[in-house]
Amino acid sequence: MKTAVVTGSSSGIGKAICQRLLSLGFQVVGISRKSSREDFNHANFIPLQADLSNETATLLACGTLRKQDIHILVNCAGFGRFEPHEELHPKIITDMVFLNLTAPMLLTNATLKSLKSNSGYLLNINSIEALRASKFAGVYSATKAGLRAFGDSLFEECRKSELSITNINPDMTQSSFYDALRFSTSDKEDEKLMASDIADAIEHILGMRKGAVVSEYTLRSLKFGITKKKL
């Protein structure tokens, strides 16, 4: 049975991806701070608890994964804060950079030999913010643009292998990502993405002929909508 590793597995897009990969017959190692077997109640789900905004915890997780035979790595864990830059707490900045960018680089470093030898897949869940400039999103956009650049560079580096690398850039997707923010997705179905849409994209990528690679996969809602929360 082939093994997939998914970060941010306990909620939102990461959880939807885990569910889809389990349904496709993969053994899934789900990484999050609260990861547990109860998240999925599936024999092929393996929880790995780790706070990927913490360097020590991330390196321990990397040590565990380095010993395993990995076919798919999905770098999905991340968070954003959207405030005037001078109002961001320094720890928010350092945690965001580490979780959104540094941790994926470290996890990729730990699993890359295995992914290449297995003709595997590296899938980075970036953001539409990796492709544009938005006010109050300087740090978040920088981390996502950085992850996209990392994936593009690694694609060129690994092109002689049979490793497929894809940057996935979703627009606003209904999930717990917005719980701590002042805004959220629209209530209208055609003004937001669902986590299952990103899982659909991954299933599409995995089902393609191995000789072809979708190096960039951007998903947008048909219309634009946003909900502002009352303070």
C-alpha atoms as a PDB file:
ATOM      1  CA  MET A   1       0.000   0.000   0.000  1.00  0.00           C
ATOM      2  CA  LYS A   2       1.340   3.412  -0.983  1.00  0.00           C
ATOM      3  CA  THR A   3       1.801   6.038   1.733  1.00  0.00           C
ATOM      4  CA  ALA A   4       0.800   9.696   1.572  1.00  0.00           C
ATOM      5  CA  VAL A   5       1.726  12.374   4.095  1.00  0.00           C
ATOM      6  CA  VAL A   6      -0.642  15.316   4.583  1.00  0.00           C
ATOM      7  CA  THR A   7       0.026  18.253   6.898  1.00  0.00           C
ATOM      8  CA  GLY A   8      -2.831  20.199   8.465  1.00  0.00           C
ATOM      9  CA  SER A   9      -4.811  16.966   8.504  1.00  0.00           C
ATOM     10  CA  SER A  10      -7.232  17.688  11.346  1.00  0.00           C
ATOM     11  CA  SER A  11      -9.460  20.248   9.594  1.00  0.00           C
ATOM     12  CA  GLY A  12     -10.381  22.090   6.441  1.00  0.00           C
ATOM     13  CA  ILE A  13      -8.544  21.412   3.195  1.00  0.00           C
ATOM     14  CA  GLY A  14      -6.055  19.036   4.821  1.00  0.00           C
ATOM     15  CA  LYS A  15      -8.815  16.869   6.262  1.00  0.00           C
ATOM     16  CA  ALA A  16     -10.662  16.757   2.934  1.00  0.00           C
ATOM     17  CA  ILE A  17      -7.461  15.691   1.185  1.00  0.00           C
ATOM     18  CA  CYS A  18      -6.854  12.946   3.755  1.00  0.00           C
ATOM     19  CA  GLN A  19     -10.397  11.651   3.284  1.00  0.00           C
ATOM     20  CA  ARG A  20      -9.979  11.595  -0.478  1.00  0.00           C
ATOM     21  CA  LEU A  21      -6.615   9.810  -0.374  1.00  0.00           C
ATOM     22  CA  LEU A  22      -7.994   7.213   2.034  1.00  0.00           C
ATOM     23  CA  SER A  23     -10.896   6.609  -0.352  1.00  0.00           C
ATOM     24  CA  LEU A  24      -8.374   6.122  -3.172  1.00  0.00           C
ATOM     25  CA  GLY A  25      -6.638   3.354  -1.220  1.00  0.00           C
ATOM     26  CA  PHE A  26      -3.636   5.167   0.226  1.00  0.00           C
ATOM     27  CA  GLN A  27      -2.258   4.811   3.724  1.00  0.00           C
ATOM     28  CA  VAL A  28      -2.290   8.375   5.045  1.00  0.00           C
ATOM     29  CA  VAL A  29       0.010   9.860   7.662  1.00  0.00           C
ATOM     30  CA  GLY A  30      -1.815  12.942   8.914  1.00  0.00           C
ATOM     31  CA  ILE A  31       0.245  15.606  10.661  1.00  0.00           C
ATOM     32  CA  SER A  32      -1.276  18.252  12.920  1.00  0.00           C
ATOM     33  CA  ARG A  33      -1.087  19.445  16.507  1.00  0.00           C
ATOM     34  CA  LYS A  34      -4.199  17.447  17.429  1.00  0.00           C
ATOM     35  CA  SER A  35      -3.983  14.554  14.987  1.00  0.00           C
ATOM     36  CA  SER A  36      -5.651  11.354  16.234  1.00  0.00           C
ATOM     37  CA  ARG A  37      -7.171   8.179  14.826  1.00  0.00           C
ATOM     38  CA  GLU A  38     -10.596   9.473  15.842  1.00  0.00           C
ATOM     39  CA  ASP A  39     -10.283  12.171  13.179  1.00  0.00           C
ATOM     40  CA  PHE A  40     -11.069   9.587  10.496  1.00  0.00           C
ATOM     41  CA  ASN A  41     -11.786   6.244  12.204  1.00  0.00           C
ATOM     42  CA  HIS A  42     -10.029   4.511   9.318  1.00  0.00           C
ATOM     43  CA  ALA A  43      -7.587   1.608   9.552  1.00  0.00           C
ATOM     44  CA  ASN A  44      -5.242   3.229   7.025  1.00  0.00           C
ATOM     45  CA  PHE A  45      -4.961   6.571   8.809  1.00  0.00           C
ATOM     46  CA  ILE A  46      -1.849   7.114  10.932  1.00  0.00           C
ATOM     47  CA  PRO A  47      -1.818  10.232  13.133  1.00  0.00           C
ATOM     48  CA  LEU A  48       1.434  12.081  13.728  1.00  0.00           C
ATOM     49  CA  GLN A  49       1.130  14.900  16.240  1.00  0.00           C
ATOM     50  CA  ALA A  50       3.453  17.826  15.627  1.00  0.00           C
ATOM     51  CA  ASP A  51       3.280  21.608  15.896  1.00  0.00           C
ATOM     52  CA  LEU A  52       4.804  22.559  12.553  1.00  0.00           C
ATOM     53  CA  SER A  53       5.259  26.163  13.640  1.00  0.00           C
ATOM     54  CA  ASN A  54       7.842  24.866  16.131  1.00  0.00           C
ATOM     55  CA  GLU A  55      11.324  24.012  14.857  1.00  0.00           C
ATOM     56  CA  THR A  56      12.033  21.216  17.352  1.00  0.00           C
ATOM     57  CA  ALA A  57       8.687  19.495  16.740  1.00  0.00           C
ATOM     58  CA  THR A  58       9.088  19.824  12.970  1.00  0.00           C
ATOM     59  CA  LEU A  59      12.568  18.307  12.985  1.00  0.00           C
ATOM     60  CA  LEU A  60      11.304  15.389  15.084  1.00  0.00           C
ATOM     61  CA  ALA A  61       8.538  14.783  12.557  1.00  0.00           C
ATOM     62  CA  CYS A  62      11.086  14.953   9.759  1.00  0.00           C
ATOM     63  CA  GLY A  63      13.162  12.315  11.530  1.00  0.00           C
ATOM     64  CA  THR A  64      10.134  10.021  11.677  1.00  0.00           C
ATOM     65  CA  LEU A  65       9.264  10.523   8.003  1.00  0.00           C
ATOM     66  CA  ARG A  66      12.854  10.048   6.866  1.00  0.00           C
ATOM     67  CA  LYS A  67      12.567   6.388   7.872  1.00  0.00           C
ATOM     68  CA  GLN A  68       9.386   5.759   5.878  1.00  0.00           C
ATOM     69  CA  ASP A  69       8.620   4.904   2.260  1.00  0.00           C
ATOM     70  CA  ILE A  70       6.624   7.909   1.011  1.00  0.00           C
ATOM     71  CA  HIS A  71       4.796   8.267  -2.320  1.00  0.00           C
ATOM     72  CA  ILE A  72       2.950  11.564  -1.794  1.00  0.00           C
ATOM     73  CA  LEU A  73       3.677  14.643   0.310  1.00  0.00           C
ATOM     74  CA  VAL A  74       0.958  17.290   0.579  1.00  0.00           C
ATOM     75  CA  ASN A  75       2.167  20.471   2.273  1.00  0.00           C
ATOM     76  CA  CYS A  76      -1.140  21.930   3.411  1.00  0.00           C
ATOM     77  CA  ALA A  77      -0.747  23.266   6.963  1.00  0.00           C
ATOM     78  CA  GLY A  78      -0.737  27.035   7.243  1.00  0.00           C
ATOM     79  CA  PHE A  79      -2.401  30.104   8.716  1.00  0.00           C
ATOM     80  CA  GLY A  80      -2.777  33.772   7.895  1.00  0.00           C
ATOM     81  CA  ARG A  81      -3.243  37.054   9.707  1.00  0.00           C
ATOM     82  CA  PHE A  82      -4.280  40.106   7.742  1.00  0.00           C
ATOM     83  CA  GLU A  83      -3.509  43.339   9.569  1.00  0.00           C
ATOM     84  CA  PRO A  84      -1.394  46.455   8.967  1.00  0.00           C
ATOM     85  CA  HIS A  85       2.146  45.150   9.108  1.00  0.00           C
ATOM     86  CA  GLU A  86       3.179  47.318  12.065  1.00  0.00           C
ATOM     87  CA  GLU A  87       0.338  45.818  14.109  1.00  0.00           C
ATOM     88  CA  LEU A  88       1.427  42.196  13.663  1.00  0.00           C
ATOM     89  CA  HIS A  89       3.061  40.692  16.742  1.00  0.00           C
ATOM     90  CA  PRO A  90       6.608  39.480  15.973  1.00  0.00           C
ATOM     91  CA  LYS A  91       5.699  35.936  17.036  1.00  0.00           C
ATOM     92  CA  ILE A  92       2.817  35.901  14.559  1.00  0.00           C
ATOM     93  CA  ILE A  93       5.299  36.817  11.831  1.00  0.00           C
ATOM     94  CA  THR A  94       7.880  34.198  12.792  1.00  0.00           C
ATOM     95  CA  ASP A  95       5.253  31.459  13.291  1.00  0.00           C
ATOM     96  CA  MET A  96       3.607  32.240   9.955  1.00  0.00           C
ATOM     97  CA  VAL A  97       6.897  32.131   8.071  1.00  0.00           C
ATOM     98  CA  PHE A  98       7.942  28.891   9.748  1.00  0.00           C
ATOM     99  CA  LEU A  99       4.631  27.052   9.351  1.00  0.00           C
ATOM    100  CA  ASN A 100       3.812  28.255   5.840  1.00  0.00           C
ATOM    101  CA  LEU A 101       7.281  28.107   4.310  1.00  0.00           C
ATOM    102  CA  THR A 102      10.093  26.699   6.441  1.00  0.00           C
ATOM    103  CA  ALA A 103       8.258  23.566   7.605  1.00  0.00           C
ATOM    104  CA  PRO A 104       7.286  22.509   4.050  1.00  0.00           C
ATOM    105  CA  MET A 105      10.916  22.920   2.975  1.00  0.00           C
ATOM    106  CA  LEU A 106      12.107  20.764   5.878  1.00  0.00           C
ATOM    107  CA  LEU A 107       9.466  18.084   5.296  1.00  0.00           C
ATOM    108  CA  THR A 108      10.313  18.012   1.607  1.00  0.00           C
ATOM    109  CA  ASN A 109      13.993  17.692   2.463  1.00  0.00           C
ATOM    110  CA  ALA A 110      13.202  14.691   4.674  1.00  0.00           C
ATOM    111  CA  THR A 111      11.026  12.877   2.124  1.00  0.00           C
ATOM    112  CA  LEU A 112      12.489  13.889  -1.249  1.00  0.00           C
ATOM    113  CA  LYS A 113      14.708  10.838  -1.815  1.00  0.00           C
ATOM    114  CA  SER A 114      11.772   8.564  -1.128  1.00  0.00           C
ATOM    115  CA  LEU A 115       9.412  10.602  -3.319  1.00  0.00           C
ATOM    116  CA  LYS A 116      11.876  10.517  -6.219  1.00  0.00           C
ATOM    117  CA  SER A 117      12.589   6.790  -5.931  1.00  0.00           C
ATOM    118  CA  ASN A 118       8.838   6.060  -5.889  1.00  0.00           C
ATOM    119  CA  SER A 119       7.983   8.284  -8.884  1.00  0.00           C
ATOM    120  CA  GLY A 120       5.829  10.171  -6.401  1.00  0.00           C
ATOM    121  CA  TYR A 121       4.033  13.472  -6.012  1.00  0.00           C
ATOM    122  CA  LEU A 122       4.864  16.661  -4.130  1.00  0.00           C
ATOM    123  CA  LEU A 123       1.782  18.868  -3.804  1.00  0.00           C
ATOM    124  CA  ASN A 124       2.064  22.327  -2.256  1.00  0.00           C
ATOM    125  CA  ILE A 125      -1.213  23.937  -1.190  1.00  0.00           C
ATOM    126  CA  ASN A 126      -0.392  27.583  -1.720  1.00  0.00           C
ATOM    127  CA  SER A 127      -2.994  30.338  -2.121  1.00  0.00           C
ATOM    128  CA  ILE A 128      -4.322  32.746  -4.694  1.00  0.00           C
ATOM    129  CA  GLU A 129      -2.309  35.282  -2.653  1.00  0.00           C
ATOM    130  CA  ALA A 130       0.852  33.688  -4.067  1.00  0.00           C
ATOM    131  CA  LEU A 131      -0.128  35.184  -7.437  1.00  0.00           C
ATOM    132  CA  ARG A 132      -1.172  38.711  -6.469  1.00  0.00           C
ATOM    133  CA  ALA A 133      -0.513  41.589  -4.085  1.00  0.00           C
ATOM    134  CA  SER A 134      -3.200  42.392  -1.489  1.00  0.00           C
ATOM    135  CA  LYS A 135      -3.132  44.956   1.286  1.00  0.00           C
ATOM    136  CA  PHE A 136      -2.677  43.633   4.840  1.00  0.00           C
ATOM    137  CA  ALA A 137      -1.373  40.331   3.405  1.00  0.00           C
ATOM    138  CA  GLY A 138       2.340  41.084   3.139  1.00  0.00           C
ATOM    139  CA  VAL A 139       3.672  38.273   5.316  1.00  0.00           C
ATOM    140  CA  TYR A 140       1.093  35.693   4.264  1.00  0.00           C
ATOM    141  CA  SER A 141       1.551  36.463   0.566  1.00  0.00           C
ATOM    142  CA  ALA A 142       5.328  36.340   0.933  1.00  0.00           C
ATOM    143  CA  THR A 143       5.187  32.869   2.502  1.00  0.00           C
ATOM    144  CA  LYS A 144       2.850  31.519  -0.165  1.00  0.00           C
ATOM    145  CA  ALA A 145       4.778  33.111  -3.025  1.00  0.00           C
ATOM    146  CA  GLY A 146       7.933  31.656  -1.482  1.00  0.00           C
ATOM    147  CA  LEU A 147       6.433  28.168  -1.324  1.00  0.00           C
ATOM    148  CA  ARG A 148       5.365  28.502  -4.954  1.00  0.00           C
ATOM    149  CA  ALA A 149       8.872  29.566  -5.976  1.00  0.00           C
ATOM    150  CA  PHE A 150      10.303  26.631  -4.008  1.00  0.00           C
ATOM    151  CA  GLY A 151       8.027  24.199  -5.846  1.00  0.00           C
ATOM    152  CA  ASP A 152       8.880  25.684  -9.252  1.00  0.00           C
ATOM    153  CA  SER A 153      12.606  25.512  -8.583  1.00  0.00           C
ATOM    154  CA  LEU A 154      12.379  21.968  -7.250  1.00  0.00           C
ATOM    155  CA  PHE A 155      10.431  20.906 -10.347  1.00  0.00           C
ATOM    156  CA  GLU A 156      13.371  21.975 -12.507  1.00  0.00           C
ATOM    157  CA  GLU A 157      15.846  20.331 -10.128  1.00  0.00           C
ATOM    158  CA  CYS A 158      13.988  17.001 -10.122  1.00  0.00           C
ATOM    159  CA  ARG A 159      12.900  16.960 -13.739  1.00  0.00           C
ATOM    160  CA  LYS A 160      15.134  14.008 -14.653  1.00  0.00           C
ATOM    161  CA  SER A 161      13.374  11.939 -12.015  1.00  0.00           C
ATOM    162  CA  GLU A 162       9.751  10.815 -12.241  1.00  0.00           C
ATOM    163  CA  LEU A 163       8.649  13.028  -9.351  1.00  0.00           C
ATOM    164  CA  SER A 164       5.638  15.200 -10.183  1.00  0.00           C
ATOM    165  CA  ILE A 165       5.514  18.587  -8.419  1.00  0.00           C
ATOM    166  CA  THR A 166       2.428  20.798  -8.428  1.00  0.00           C
ATOM    167  CA  ASN A 167       1.661  24.163  -6.850  1.00  0.00           C
ATOM    168  CA  ILE A 168      -2.064  24.393  -6.066  1.00  0.00           C
ATOM    169  CA  ASN A 169      -3.392  27.931  -5.583  1.00  0.00           C
ATOM    170  CA  PRO A 170      -6.932  27.989  -4.151  1.00  0.00           C
ATOM    171  CA  ASP A 171      -9.026  31.116  -3.787  1.00  0.00           C
ATOM    172  CA  MET A 172     -11.053  31.652  -0.587  1.00  0.00           C
ATOM    173  CA  THR A 173     -12.141  28.217   0.632  1.00  0.00           C
ATOM    174  CA  GLN A 174     -14.725  27.531   3.327  1.00  0.00           C
ATOM    175  CA  SER A 175     -12.776  26.201   6.313  1.00  0.00           C
ATOM    176  CA  SER A 176     -11.645  26.981   9.857  1.00  0.00           C
ATOM    177  CA  PHE A 177      -8.853  29.125   8.348  1.00  0.00           C
ATOM    178  CA  TYR A 178     -11.096  32.173   8.897  1.00  0.00           C
ATOM    179  CA  ASP A 179     -12.122  31.438  12.490  1.00  0.00           C
ATOM    180  CA  ALA A 180      -9.648  33.953  13.948  1.00  0.00           C
ATOM    181  CA  LEU A 181     -10.053  36.539  11.172  1.00  0.00           C
ATOM    182  CA  ARG A 182     -12.334  39.543  10.714  1.00  0.00           C
ATOM    183  CA  PHE A 183     -13.763  38.154   7.473  1.00  0.00           C
ATOM    184  CA  SER A 184     -14.817  34.840   6.021  1.00  0.00           C
ATOM    185  CA  THR A 185     -16.096  33.233   2.848  1.00  0.00           C
ATOM    186  CA  SER A 186     -19.433  34.177   1.362  1.00  0.00           C
ATOM    187  CA  ASP A 187     -22.570  32.218   2.222  1.00  0.00           C
ATOM    188  CA  LYS A 188     -23.284  31.769  -1.492  1.00  0.00           C
ATOM    189  CA  GLU A 189     -22.171  28.536  -3.135  1.00  0.00           C
ATOM    190  CA  ASP A 190     -20.836  30.223  -6.291  1.00  0.00           C
ATOM    191  CA  GLU A 191     -18.786  32.784  -4.336  1.00  0.00           C
ATOM    192  CA  LYS A 192     -16.467  30.381  -2.516  1.00  0.00           C
ATOM    193  CA  LEU A 193     -14.561  27.160  -2.898  1.00  0.00           C
ATOM    194  CA  MET A 194     -15.178  24.049  -0.816  1.00  0.00           C
ATOM    195  CA  ALA A 195     -12.397  21.902   0.606  1.00  0.00           C
ATOM    196  CA  SER A 196     -13.658  19.070  -1.595  1.00  0.00           C
ATOM    197  CA  ASP A 197     -12.772  21.164  -4.666  1.00  0.00           C
ATOM    198  CA  ILE A 198      -9.095  21.031  -3.727  1.00  0.00           C
ATOM    199  CA  ALA A 199      -9.397  17.290  -3.066  1.00  0.00           C
ATOM    200  CA  ASP A 200     -10.926  16.967  -6.561  1.00  0.00           C
ATOM    201  CA  ALA A 201      -7.898  18.781  -8.006  1.00  0.00           C
ATOM    202  CA  ILE A 202      -5.529  16.360  -6.286  1.00  0.00           C
ATOM    203  CA  GLU A 203      -7.474  13.343  -7.525  1.00  0.00           C
ATOM    204  CA  HIS A 204      -7.269  14.809 -11.028  1.00  0.00           C
ATOM    205  CA  ILE A 205      -3.501  15.273 -10.746  1.00  0.00           C
ATOM    206  CA  LEU A 206      -2.973  11.738  -9.466  1.00  0.00           C
ATOM    207  CA  GLY A 207      -5.069  10.311 -12.304  1.00  0.00           C
ATOM    208  CA  MET A 208      -3.084  11.939 -15.095  1.00  0.00           C
ATOM    209  CA  ARG A 209      -0.585  10.185 -17.339  1.00  0.00           C
ATOM    210  CA  LYS A 210       2.787  10.212 -15.593  1.00  0.00           C
ATOM    211  CA  GLY A 211       4.493  11.799 -18.566  1.00  0.00           C
ATOM    212  CA  ALA A 212       2.465  15.000 -18.115  1.00  0.00           C
ATOM    213  CA  VAL A 213       2.672  17.305 -15.099  1.00  0.00           C
ATOM    214  CA  VAL A 214       0.331  20.112 -14.115  1.00  0.00           C
ATOM    215  CA  SER A 215       2.970  22.288 -12.489  1.00  0.00           C
ATOM    216  CA  GLU A 216       0.444  24.974 -11.467  1.00  0.00           C
ATOM    217  CA  TYR A 217      -3.222  24.465 -10.587  1.00  0.00           C
ATOM    218  CA  THR A 218      -5.257  27.578  -9.698  1.00  0.00           C
ATOM    219  CA  LEU A 219      -8.840  27.306  -8.458  1.00  0.00           C
ATOM    220  CA  ARG A 220     -11.206  30.298  -8.322  1.00  0.00           C
ATOM    221  CA  SER A 221     -14.827  30.634  -7.315  1.00  0.00           C
ATOM    222  CA  LEU A 222     -17.146  31.483 -10.203  1.00  0.00           C
ATOM    223  CA  LYS A 223     -18.047  34.809  -8.546  1.00  0.00           C
ATOM    224  CA  PHE A 224     -16.377  36.856  -5.823  1.00  0.00           C
ATOM    225  CA  GLY A 225     -17.899  37.152  -2.374  1.00  0.00           C
ATOM    226  CA  ILE A 226     -16.771  37.835   1.169  1.00  0.00           C
ATOM    227  CA  THR A 227     -18.439  38.093   4.555  1.00  0.00           C
ATOM    228  CA  LYS A 228     -17.250  40.692   7.063  1.00  0.00           C
ATOM    229  CA  LYS A 229     -17.689  39.718  10.699  1.00  0.00           C
ATOM    230  CA  LYS A 230     -19.071  42.016  13.338  1.00  0.00           C
ATOM    231  CA  LEU A 231     -16.412  43.010  15.863  1.00  0.00           C
END
